[in-house]
Amino acid sequence: MLRSSAFKPRVNAQMWMPRNTARVLCGAPFVSVSAATQQRLCTSGNVAEDLMHFREKKALKQAASATTKPAEPGVNPLDKQTATNQLPAGMVWSAEELKGVQQTHRPTRELVDTIALSAIRCVRYLFDVASGYSRGQITTIKVLRRVVLLETVAGVPGMMAGTLRHLRSLRRVERDHAWIESLFEEAENERTHMLVFVQLYNPGIVLRGLVFCGQLVFWNVFFLLYLASPKFCHRFVGYLEEEAVRTYTHVIHAMEGTAEDQHRVAPDLVAFGKSPAKELAIRYWKMPAQSTMLDVMYAVRADEANHRDCNHGFADLKRDQPNPYIHATKYEQDIDK
């Protein structure tokens, strides 16, 4: 398991839901709270900003809103280095957390685990073939092709699961226990990974076709599977993220010149690791201005390790149990009484 406390679920009686989820309950007739509690909940800004799954930084949001400017016609904000609008708030990892990520594997204990792991091994094989990562030299283009393909797939499960839980909450007129926000945050985080990498690699028509076909199949299959067994789906994503951590760890070692198969690593990949990081990545992870692409890979790997542990945790929970990756506040304590 990861050594950093940032990856440890916190389960206690004070857990409930994040700030945005709590606010929508203001005035809800099926929530038994006092008038004073409702007033504090609806007006106070001192609600939980620290999500264990995706830690929000209030200062970053305020800074982004203060500098937001209307987008210029015909200008892509991702291509403009000085753009500050449309910037999502990312996680800020400490140096210890970045270096402390470990490759872990959750052993199979049930039939559903075995099926999920077998499916991921098939997916891994297809990724290796489609990206050419397992054949010949490992070049910068192969790495970027692989991670772009990986992120386009990894961004689907969180959005699908969050959407289905959202609809279930509306349909049954009941709480979701704070899963929805974590799942949507996961999907947005994976999409931002993709946006960082496509600044460096423009997928060709073949890869775009693979993404289109893969999304068409995966979205519909995952939709049906999540209706049948959320446990299987979260276990599947947990194993998928294990493979993502494995991939990014290998890329990091290759850039540092310490990979076991370093003889397969092309010189341009080592040089790529030393190249300056794009401004989108620097702002998203609040990295130092002199950060390199190697630092970006460390940050992405930390995100993937977080997804890995959270989804394995979700698979172990019943669907009506509270999300253990949310930090509670005294206002949530009042509601939970």
Protein backbone atom coordinates (compact mmCIF):
# COMPACT_ATOMS: atom_id res chain seq x y z
CA MET A 1 0.00 0.00 0.00
CA LEU A 2 1.05 3.60 -0.44
CA ARG A 3 2.86 5.07 2.51
CA SER A 4 1.44 8.54 2.15
CA SER A 5 -1.51 9.40 4.36
CA ALA A 6 -3.11 11.06 1.33
CA PHE A 7 -4.04 7.63 0.05
CA LYS A 8 -5.47 6.26 3.32
CA PRO A 9 -9.27 6.15 3.51
CA ARG A 10 -10.68 7.82 6.58
CA VAL A 11 -13.80 6.12 7.87
CA ASN A 12 -15.54 7.56 10.90
CA ALA A 13 -18.93 8.64 12.11
CA GLN A 14 -18.26 12.20 11.05
CA MET A 15 -18.06 11.38 7.34
CA TRP A 16 -20.88 12.48 5.19
CA MET A 17 -20.60 14.43 1.98
CA PRO A 18 -18.62 17.19 0.28
CA ARG A 19 -19.47 20.84 0.29
CA ASN A 20 -21.31 21.00 -3.03
CA THR A 21 -23.39 17.92 -2.22
CA ALA A 22 -24.32 19.26 1.20
CA ARG A 23 -25.47 22.58 -0.18
CA VAL A 24 -28.07 21.05 -2.47
CA LEU A 25 -29.81 19.62 0.58
CA CYS A 26 -30.71 23.09 1.86
CA GLY A 27 -34.44 23.11 2.30
CA ALA A 28 -34.86 19.46 1.28
CA PRO A 29 -37.94 18.09 3.07
CA PHE A 30 -36.54 14.59 3.59
CA VAL A 31 -33.47 15.76 5.56
CA SER A 32 -34.10 16.25 9.25
CA VAL A 33 -32.02 19.26 10.34
CA SER A 34 -32.71 22.25 12.52
CA ALA A 35 -33.37 25.69 11.06
CA ALA A 36 -30.11 26.95 12.59
CA THR A 37 -28.15 24.13 11.00
CA GLN A 38 -29.74 24.77 7.61
CA GLN A 39 -28.88 28.46 7.88
CA ARG A 40 -25.24 27.72 8.70
CA LEU A 41 -25.03 25.11 5.95
CA CYS A 42 -26.47 27.40 3.30
CA THR A 43 -24.51 30.52 4.16
CA SER A 44 -21.21 29.45 5.68
CA GLY A 45 -18.12 29.12 3.53
CA ASN A 46 -16.28 27.01 6.10
CA VAL A 47 -17.32 23.71 4.63
CA ALA A 48 -14.94 20.88 3.75
CA GLU A 49 -12.56 21.85 0.97
CA ASP A 50 -10.28 18.86 1.49
CA LEU A 51 -11.42 15.85 -0.52
CA MET A 52 -9.35 12.79 0.18
CA HIS A 53 -10.03 11.56 -3.34
CA PHE A 54 -9.38 14.87 -5.08
CA ARG A 55 -8.18 17.59 -2.76
CA GLU A 56 -9.63 20.96 -3.72
CA LYS A 57 -7.56 24.04 -3.06
CA LYS A 58 -9.73 27.06 -2.31
CA ALA A 59 -6.87 29.47 -2.93
CA LEU A 60 -6.33 28.05 -6.41
CA LYS A 61 -10.01 28.50 -7.27
CA GLN A 62 -9.98 32.11 -6.04
CA ALA A 63 -6.81 32.87 -8.00
CA ALA A 64 -8.22 31.30 -11.15
CA SER A 65 -11.50 33.23 -10.87
CA ALA A 66 -9.66 36.49 -10.25
CA THR A 67 -7.61 36.13 -13.43
CA THR A 68 -10.27 34.64 -15.70
CA LYS A 69 -10.68 36.54 -18.96
CA PRO A 70 -13.05 36.00 -21.88
CA ALA A 71 -11.66 33.59 -24.43
CA GLU A 72 -10.43 35.17 -27.64
CA PRO A 73 -12.34 34.14 -30.78
CA GLY A 74 -10.59 31.35 -32.65
CA VAL A 75 -7.95 30.81 -29.94
CA ASN A 76 -7.56 27.43 -28.26
CA PRO A 77 -6.74 28.07 -24.56
CA LEU A 78 -4.55 24.95 -24.52
CA ASP A 79 -2.37 26.40 -27.26
CA LYS A 80 -1.96 29.77 -25.56
CA GLN A 81 0.65 29.64 -22.84
CA THR A 82 -0.75 32.64 -20.97
CA ALA A 83 -4.36 31.44 -20.89
CA THR A 84 -5.88 31.19 -17.41
CA ASN A 85 -9.49 30.44 -18.24
CA GLN A 86 -10.96 26.94 -18.41
CA LEU A 87 -8.26 25.63 -16.08
CA PRO A 88 -9.42 22.80 -13.80
CA ALA A 89 -8.14 22.61 -10.23
CA GLY A 90 -5.83 19.63 -9.78
CA MET A 91 -4.25 17.89 -6.85
CA VAL A 92 -1.03 19.20 -5.38
CA TRP A 93 1.29 16.39 -4.36
CA SER A 94 4.25 16.78 -2.04
CA ALA A 95 7.69 15.54 -3.08
CA GLU A 96 7.37 12.67 -0.60
CA GLU A 97 4.04 11.61 -2.07
CA LEU A 98 5.36 11.74 -5.63
CA LYS A 99 8.42 9.64 -4.83
CA GLY A 100 6.56 7.35 -2.42
CA VAL A 101 4.14 5.83 -4.93
CA GLN A 102 4.52 2.07 -5.03
CA GLN A 103 3.35 -0.55 -7.48
CA THR A 104 0.79 -2.62 -5.60
CA HIS A 105 -1.53 -5.45 -6.54
CA ARG A 106 -4.77 -6.39 -4.85
CA PRO A 107 -4.93 -10.23 -4.78
CA THR A 108 -8.03 -11.86 -6.20
CA ARG A 109 -10.36 -13.22 -3.50
CA GLU A 110 -13.60 -13.82 -5.33
CA LEU A 111 -14.70 -14.94 -8.75
CA VAL A 112 -15.58 -11.37 -9.70
CA ASP A 113 -12.00 -10.32 -8.92
CA THR A 114 -10.58 -13.07 -11.11
CA ILE A 115 -12.81 -12.12 -14.03
CA ALA A 116 -11.91 -8.43 -13.67
CA LEU A 117 -8.18 -9.18 -13.56
CA SER A 118 -8.39 -11.46 -16.60
CA ALA A 119 -10.25 -8.75 -18.52
CA ILE A 120 -7.59 -6.18 -17.66
CA ARG A 121 -4.82 -8.47 -18.84
CA CYS A 122 -6.57 -8.68 -22.20
CA VAL A 123 -6.89 -4.89 -22.28
CA ARG A 124 -3.21 -4.52 -21.43
CA TYR A 125 -2.27 -6.80 -24.33
CA LEU A 126 -4.42 -4.78 -26.73
CA PHE A 127 -2.81 -1.53 -25.50
CA ASP A 128 0.66 -3.00 -26.06
CA VAL A 129 -0.21 -4.02 -29.61
CA ALA A 130 -2.05 -0.81 -30.55
CA SER A 131 0.69 1.48 -29.26
CA GLY A 132 3.64 -0.66 -30.35
CA TYR A 133 5.01 -0.29 -26.83
CA SER A 134 6.08 -3.91 -26.48
CA ARG A 135 7.94 -4.09 -29.80
CA GLY A 136 11.26 -2.57 -30.79
CA GLN A 137 12.68 0.58 -29.23
CA ILE A 138 10.64 2.58 -26.73
CA THR A 139 10.50 6.03 -28.26
CA THR A 140 8.84 9.26 -27.19
CA ILE A 141 6.14 8.82 -29.84
CA LYS A 142 5.33 5.33 -28.60
CA VAL A 143 5.06 6.55 -25.01
CA LEU A 144 2.79 9.46 -25.93
CA ARG A 145 0.67 7.25 -28.17
CA ARG A 146 0.24 4.76 -25.35
CA VAL A 147 -0.63 7.25 -22.61
CA VAL A 148 -3.08 9.15 -24.83
CA LEU A 149 -4.84 5.88 -25.64
CA LEU A 150 -4.78 4.88 -21.98
CA GLU A 151 -6.29 8.17 -20.75
CA THR A 152 -9.08 8.13 -23.34
CA VAL A 153 -10.19 4.79 -21.87
CA ALA A 154 -9.53 5.64 -18.22
CA GLY A 155 -11.76 8.72 -18.44
CA VAL A 156 -14.89 6.67 -19.22
CA PRO A 157 -15.61 4.62 -16.04
CA GLY A 158 -15.80 7.53 -13.61
CA MET A 159 -18.20 9.45 -15.84
CA MET A 160 -20.42 6.41 -16.45
CA ALA A 161 -20.49 5.32 -12.81
CA GLY A 162 -21.13 8.87 -11.60
CA THR A 163 -23.94 9.34 -14.12
CA LEU A 164 -25.66 6.09 -13.14
CA ARG A 165 -25.39 6.88 -9.44
CA HIS A 166 -26.70 10.39 -10.11
CA LEU A 167 -29.73 9.01 -11.94
CA ARG A 168 -30.28 6.41 -9.20
CA SER A 169 -30.25 9.12 -6.55
CA LEU A 170 -32.82 11.15 -8.50
CA ARG A 171 -34.95 8.13 -9.29
CA ARG A 172 -35.08 6.93 -5.69
CA VAL A 173 -35.20 10.43 -4.20
CA GLU A 174 -32.41 9.70 -1.75
CA ARG A 175 -28.82 10.51 -0.91
CA ASP A 176 -25.88 9.09 -2.84
CA HIS A 177 -23.50 9.18 0.13
CA ALA A 178 -21.01 11.40 -1.72
CA TRP A 179 -19.83 8.94 -4.38
CA ILE A 180 -20.92 11.04 -7.36
CA GLU A 181 -18.49 13.91 -6.89
CA SER A 182 -15.48 11.62 -6.45
CA LEU A 183 -16.37 9.68 -9.60
CA PHE A 184 -16.85 12.82 -11.71
CA GLU A 185 -13.62 14.28 -10.34
CA GLU A 186 -11.82 11.09 -11.37
CA ALA A 187 -13.17 11.32 -14.92
CA GLU A 188 -12.19 14.99 -15.21
CA ASN A 189 -8.71 14.24 -13.87
CA GLU A 190 -8.17 11.53 -16.49
CA ARG A 191 -9.41 13.85 -19.24
CA THR A 192 -6.95 16.53 -18.10
CA HIS A 193 -4.12 13.98 -18.34
CA MET A 194 -5.13 13.46 -21.96
CA LEU A 195 -5.19 17.23 -22.62
CA VAL A 196 -1.67 17.56 -21.21
CA PHE A 197 -0.29 14.85 -23.48
CA VAL A 198 -2.08 15.89 -26.69
CA GLN A 199 -0.23 19.19 -26.47
CA LEU A 200 2.82 17.11 -27.31
CA TYR A 201 1.35 14.50 -29.63
CA ASN A 202 -1.40 14.95 -32.20
CA PRO A 203 -3.09 11.55 -32.73
CA GLY A 204 -3.44 10.47 -36.33
CA ILE A 205 -6.56 9.19 -38.01
CA VAL A 206 -5.81 5.56 -37.09
CA LEU A 207 -5.49 6.26 -33.36
CA ARG A 208 -8.53 8.54 -33.42
CA GLY A 209 -10.45 5.73 -35.10
CA LEU A 210 -9.34 3.30 -32.38
CA VAL A 211 -10.45 5.76 -29.71
CA PHE A 212 -13.82 6.24 -31.38
CA CYS A 213 -14.48 2.53 -31.78
CA GLY A 214 -13.13 1.73 -28.32
CA GLN A 215 -15.32 4.37 -26.71
CA LEU A 216 -18.38 3.19 -28.63
CA VAL A 217 -17.90 -0.36 -27.35
CA PHE A 218 -16.51 0.36 -23.87
CA TRP A 219 -19.14 2.96 -22.90
CA ASN A 220 -22.05 0.66 -23.70
CA VAL A 221 -20.46 -2.45 -22.21
CA PHE A 222 -19.48 -0.62 -19.03
CA PHE A 223 -23.01 0.81 -18.79
CA LEU A 224 -24.54 -2.66 -18.77
CA LEU A 225 -21.88 -4.08 -16.46
CA TYR A 226 -22.32 -1.29 -13.91
CA LEU A 227 -26.06 -1.90 -13.82
CA ALA A 228 -25.38 -5.60 -13.20
CA SER A 229 -22.41 -5.38 -10.83
CA PRO A 230 -20.87 -2.10 -9.60
CA LYS A 231 -18.44 -4.20 -7.56
CA PHE A 232 -17.02 -5.81 -10.68
CA CYS A 233 -16.70 -2.45 -12.44
CA HIS A 234 -14.83 -0.75 -9.61
CA ARG A 235 -12.55 -3.79 -9.25
CA PHE A 236 -11.95 -3.67 -13.01
CA VAL A 237 -10.98 0.02 -12.78
CA GLY A 238 -8.77 -0.71 -9.76
CA TYR A 239 -6.83 -3.28 -11.79
CA LEU A 240 -6.77 -0.92 -14.78
CA GLU A 241 -5.16 1.74 -12.61
CA GLU A 242 -2.65 -0.81 -11.33
CA GLU A 243 -1.55 -1.23 -14.94
CA ALA A 244 -1.49 2.55 -15.40
CA VAL A 245 0.83 2.92 -12.39
CA ARG A 246 2.98 0.14 -13.81
CA THR A 247 3.18 1.91 -17.19
CA TYR A 248 4.05 5.32 -15.77
CA THR A 249 6.61 3.79 -13.39
CA HIS A 250 8.33 2.14 -16.36
CA VAL A 251 8.29 5.42 -18.29
CA ILE A 252 9.79 7.25 -15.30
CA HIS A 253 12.57 4.69 -14.97
CA ALA A 254 13.24 4.85 -18.71
CA MET A 255 13.53 8.65 -18.57
CA GLU A 256 15.88 8.38 -15.59
CA GLY A 257 17.96 5.69 -17.30
CA THR A 258 17.23 3.02 -14.67
CA ALA A 259 14.76 0.75 -16.48
CA GLU A 260 15.49 -2.99 -16.51
CA ASP A 261 15.17 -2.93 -20.30
CA GLN A 262 17.06 0.34 -20.73
CA HIS A 263 18.68 -1.08 -23.87
CA ARG A 264 15.26 -0.71 -25.55
CA VAL A 265 14.89 2.94 -24.55
CA ALA A 266 15.59 5.39 -27.35
CA PRO A 267 17.82 8.40 -26.54
CA ASP A 268 15.02 10.80 -27.48
CA LEU A 269 12.89 9.53 -24.57
CA VAL A 270 15.61 10.38 -22.04
CA ALA A 271 15.90 13.83 -23.60
CA PHE A 272 12.11 14.19 -23.55
CA GLY A 273 12.11 13.62 -19.80
CA LYS A 274 14.41 16.62 -19.39
CA SER A 275 12.34 18.92 -21.60
CA PRO A 276 10.27 21.70 -19.98
CA ALA A 277 6.75 20.87 -18.87
CA LYS A 278 3.87 22.60 -20.63
CA GLU A 279 2.21 25.44 -18.75
CA LEU A 280 -1.10 23.59 -18.52
CA ALA A 281 0.61 20.86 -16.49
CA ILE A 282 2.46 23.40 -14.34
CA ARG A 283 -0.74 25.23 -13.47
CA TYR A 284 -2.86 22.11 -13.02
CA TRP A 285 -0.53 20.48 -10.48
CA LYS A 286 0.86 23.81 -9.18
CA MET A 287 4.37 22.73 -10.11
CA PRO A 288 7.50 24.90 -10.06
CA ALA A 289 8.08 26.87 -13.26
CA GLN A 290 11.27 24.91 -14.04
CA SER A 291 9.49 21.52 -13.91
CA THR A 292 10.21 18.94 -16.62
CA MET A 293 8.19 16.24 -18.34
CA LEU A 294 9.69 13.76 -15.89
CA ASP A 295 8.01 15.72 -13.08
CA VAL A 296 4.74 15.57 -15.02
CA MET A 297 5.01 11.78 -15.23
CA TYR A 298 5.51 11.62 -11.46
CA ALA A 299 2.36 13.71 -10.91
CA VAL A 300 0.26 11.64 -13.32
CA ARG A 301 1.45 8.44 -11.65
CA ALA A 302 0.41 9.78 -8.24
CA ASP A 303 -3.06 10.54 -9.62
CA GLU A 304 -3.35 7.02 -11.04
CA ALA A 305 -2.26 5.45 -7.75
CA ASN A 306 -5.00 7.44 -6.05
CA HIS A 307 -7.59 6.16 -8.53
CA ARG A 308 -6.31 2.63 -8.01
CA ASP A 309 -6.74 2.66 -4.25
CA CYS A 310 -10.06 4.50 -4.34
CA ASN A 311 -11.65 2.12 -6.85
CA HIS A 312 -10.46 -0.96 -4.98
CA GLY A 313 -11.96 0.68 -1.90
CA PHE A 314 -15.25 1.37 -3.68
CA ALA A 315 -15.39 -2.28 -4.81
CA ASP A 316 -15.17 -3.39 -1.17
CA LEU A 317 -18.05 -1.13 -0.12
CA LYS A 318 -21.77 -1.64 -0.48
CA ARG A 319 -23.37 0.91 -2.77
CA ASP A 320 -25.20 2.60 0.13
CA GLN A 321 -22.16 3.01 2.36
CA PRO A 322 -20.68 6.53 2.73
CA ASN A 323 -17.75 7.49 0.54
CA PRO A 324 -14.72 7.11 2.87
CA TYR A 325 -12.63 9.56 0.85
CA ILE A 326 -14.52 12.65 2.02
CA HIS A 327 -13.42 14.75 4.97
CA ALA A 328 -16.29 15.82 7.25
CA THR A 329 -17.01 19.11 9.00
CA LYS A 330 -18.96 20.05 12.10
CA TYR A 331 -21.89 21.04 9.89
CA GLU A 332 -21.99 17.55 8.48
CA GLN A 333 -21.95 16.22 12.03
CA ASP A 334 -25.06 18.23 12.80
CA ILE A 335 -26.87 16.85 9.76
CA ASP A 336 -25.84 13.29 10.49
CA LYS A 337 -27.40 13.33 13.96
